[in-house]
C-alpha atoms as a PDB file:
ATOM      1  CA  MET A   1       4.800  -8.123  -3.700  1.00  0.00           C
ATOM      2  CA  VAL A   2       2.086  -8.234  -6.313  1.00  0.00           C
ATOM      3  CA  TYR A   3      -1.523  -7.921  -5.180  1.00  0.00           C
ATOM      4  CA  PRO A   4      -4.134  -8.162  -7.932  1.00  0.00           C
ATOM      5  CA  VAL A   5      -6.893  -5.571  -7.824  1.00  0.00           C
ATOM      6  CA  SER A   6     -10.113  -6.011  -9.747  1.00  0.00           C
ATOM      7  CA  ALA A   7     -13.115  -3.706  -9.988  1.00  0.00           C
ATOM      8  CA  GLU A   8     -15.426  -6.640  -9.232  1.00  0.00           C
ATOM      9  CA  HIS A   9     -13.816  -7.321  -5.855  1.00  0.00           C
ATOM     10  CA  HIS A  10     -12.799  -3.826  -4.805  1.00  0.00           C
ATOM     11  CA  ARG A  11     -15.436  -1.289  -5.770  1.00  0.00           C
ATOM     12  CA  THR A  12     -14.152   1.399  -3.390  1.00  0.00           C
ATOM     13  CA  LEU A  13     -10.796   2.422  -1.987  1.00  0.00           C
ATOM     14  CA  ASP A  14     -12.012   1.572   1.524  1.00  0.00           C
ATOM     15  CA  ALA A  15     -12.846  -1.966   0.378  1.00  0.00           C
ATOM     16  CA  LEU A  16      -9.354  -2.323  -1.110  1.00  0.00           C
ATOM     17  CA  LEU A  17      -7.664  -0.993   2.040  1.00  0.00           C
ATOM     18  CA  GLU A  18      -9.654  -3.468   4.143  1.00  0.00           C
ATOM     19  CA  ALA A  19      -8.736  -6.344   1.804  1.00  0.00           C
ATOM     20  CA  LEU A  20      -5.060  -5.345   1.976  1.00  0.00           C
ATOM     21  CA  THR A  21      -5.264  -5.218   5.780  1.00  0.00           C
ATOM     22  CA  GLN A  22      -6.667  -8.769   5.836  1.00  0.00           C
ATOM     23  CA  SER A  23      -4.088 -10.072   3.338  1.00  0.00           C
ATOM     24  CA  VAL A  24      -0.551 -11.354   3.837  1.00  0.00           C
ATOM     25  CA  ILE A  25       0.689  -7.950   2.698  1.00  0.00           C
ATOM     26  CA  CYS A  26      -0.202  -6.481   6.061  1.00  0.00           C
ATOM     27  CA  GLU A  27       2.299  -7.705   8.612  1.00  0.00           C
ATOM     28  CA  ARG A  28       1.058  -6.314  11.930  1.00  0.00           C
ATOM     29  CA  THR A  29       4.560  -5.583  13.226  1.00  0.00           C
ATOM     30  CA  VAL A  30       5.142  -3.294  10.238  1.00  0.00           C
ATOM     31  CA  LEU A  31       1.594  -1.953   9.793  1.00  0.00           C
ATOM     32  CA  PRO A  32       0.142  -2.175  13.306  1.00  0.00           C
ATOM     33  CA  LEU A  33      -3.062  -0.320  12.426  1.00  0.00           C
ATOM     34  CA  GLY A  34      -3.488  -2.028   9.080  1.00  0.00           C
ATOM     35  CA  VAL A  35      -3.408  -0.445   5.642  1.00  0.00           C
ATOM     36  CA  ARG A  36      -4.973   3.004   5.883  1.00  0.00           C
ATOM     37  CA  TYR A  37      -3.302   4.851   2.989  1.00  0.00           C
ATOM     38  CA  LEU A  38      -1.940   4.089  -0.474  1.00  0.00           C
ATOM     39  CA  PHE A  39       0.682   6.166  -2.274  1.00  0.00           C
ATOM     40  CA  THR A  40       2.222   5.906  -5.711  1.00  0.00           C
ATOM     41  CA  ALA A  41       5.690   4.412  -5.262  1.00  0.00           C
ATOM     42  CA  ASP A  42       7.365   6.733  -7.762  1.00  0.00           C
ATOM     43  CA  THR A  43       5.921  10.149  -6.818  1.00  0.00           C
ATOM     44  CA  GLY A  44       4.426   9.573  -3.372  1.00  0.00           C
ATOM     45  CA  ARG A  45       1.066  10.963  -4.458  1.00  0.00           C
ATOM     46  CA  ARG A  46      -1.714   9.763  -2.166  1.00  0.00           C
ATOM     47  CA  VAL A  47      -4.370   7.593  -3.789  1.00  0.00           C
ATOM     48  CA  THR A  48      -7.814   8.847  -2.754  1.00  0.00           C
ATOM     49  CA  ALA A  49     -10.064   6.893  -5.126  1.00  0.00           C
ATOM     50  CA  ILE A  50      -9.998   3.398  -6.604  1.00  0.00           C
ATOM     51  CA  ASP A  51     -10.114   4.769 -10.168  1.00  0.00           C
ATOM     52  CA  GLN A  52      -6.723   6.442  -9.643  1.00  0.00           C
ATOM     53  CA  LEU A  53      -5.007   3.028  -9.651  1.00  0.00           C
ATOM     54  CA  GLN A  54      -3.172   2.270 -12.893  1.00  0.00           C
ATOM     55  CA  ASP A  55      -2.409  -1.132 -14.355  1.00  0.00           C
ATOM     56  CA  GLY A  56       1.202  -2.153 -13.778  1.00  0.00           C
ATOM     57  CA  ALA A  57       1.980   0.707 -11.382  1.00  0.00           C
ATOM     58  CA  SER A  58       3.568   0.233  -7.958  1.00  0.00           C
ATOM     59  CA  TYR A  59       1.999   1.490  -4.758  1.00  0.00           C
ATOM     60  CA  VAL A  60       3.069   1.828  -1.140  1.00  0.00           C
ATOM     61  CA  CYS A  61       0.780   0.776   1.727  1.00  0.00           C
ATOM     62  CA  SER A  62       0.946   2.825   4.890  1.00  0.00           C
ATOM     63  CA  THR A  63      -0.628   3.124   8.313  1.00  0.00           C
ATOM     64  CA  ARG A  64       0.320   6.806   8.422  1.00  0.00           C
ATOM     65  CA  PRO A  65      -0.794   9.657   6.150  1.00  0.00           C
ATOM     66  CA  THR A  66       2.768  10.658   5.274  1.00  0.00           C
ATOM     67  CA  PHE A  67       4.877   9.204   2.473  1.00  0.00           C
ATOM     68  CA  ARG A  68       8.581   8.525   2.799  1.00  0.00           C
ATOM     69  CA  HIS A  69      10.571   8.731  -0.448  1.00  0.00           C
ATOM     70  CA  LEU A  70      12.699   5.584  -0.660  1.00  0.00           C
ATOM     71  CA  ASP A  71      13.726   3.220  -3.451  1.00  0.00           C
ATOM     72  CA  TYR A  72      10.900   0.735  -2.818  1.00  0.00           C
ATOM     73  CA  ASN A  73      11.835  -1.421  -5.814  1.00  0.00           C
ATOM     74  CA  ARG A  74      15.287  -1.975  -4.314  1.00  0.00           C
ATOM     75  CA  ILE A  75      14.072  -2.481  -0.758  1.00  0.00           C
ATOM     76  CA  GLY A  76      11.727  -5.375  -1.540  1.00  0.00           C
ATOM     77  CA  ALA A  77       8.332  -6.483  -0.295  1.00  0.00           C
ATOM     78  CA  VAL A  78       8.403  -5.289   3.323  1.00  0.00           C
ATOM     79  CA  LEU A  79      10.455  -2.606   5.004  1.00  0.00           C
ATOM     80  CA  PRO A  80      12.132  -3.115   8.375  1.00  0.00           C
ATOM     81  CA  SER A  81       9.811  -2.348  11.283  1.00  0.00           C
ATOM     82  CA  ARG A  82      11.684   0.698  12.545  1.00  0.00           C
ATOM     83  CA  SER A  83       9.721   3.934  12.344  1.00  0.00           C
ATOM     84  CA  LEU A  84       8.753   3.194   8.730  1.00  0.00           C
ATOM     85  CA  HIS A  85       5.319   1.650   8.509  1.00  0.00           C
ATOM     86  CA  GLN A  86       5.012   1.079   4.781  1.00  0.00           C
ATOM     87  CA  ALA A  87       5.123  -1.863   2.398  1.00  0.00           C
ATOM     88  CA  ARG A  88       5.377  -2.068  -1.389  1.00  0.00           C
ATOM     89  CA  ILE A  89       2.508  -3.691  -3.267  1.00  0.00           C
END
């Protein structure tokens, strides 16, 4: 799923995480506590500041502070709601 991020609307990472939580990206059965963490989809590196986001890159939303290495491009927009609480953005 593509979610546009602009510096005018999301000046901090916390503001972006809150916007993601309020968006359709955050299905409460998959992310019950909302979006609390972002990781790069390819390396799993945690995003800690808004200026770390790169144009055209893929990121994984998570409720938990741990990243699970999966092929997120193959999986699709939302993972099954087993113990994995992450979605691709």
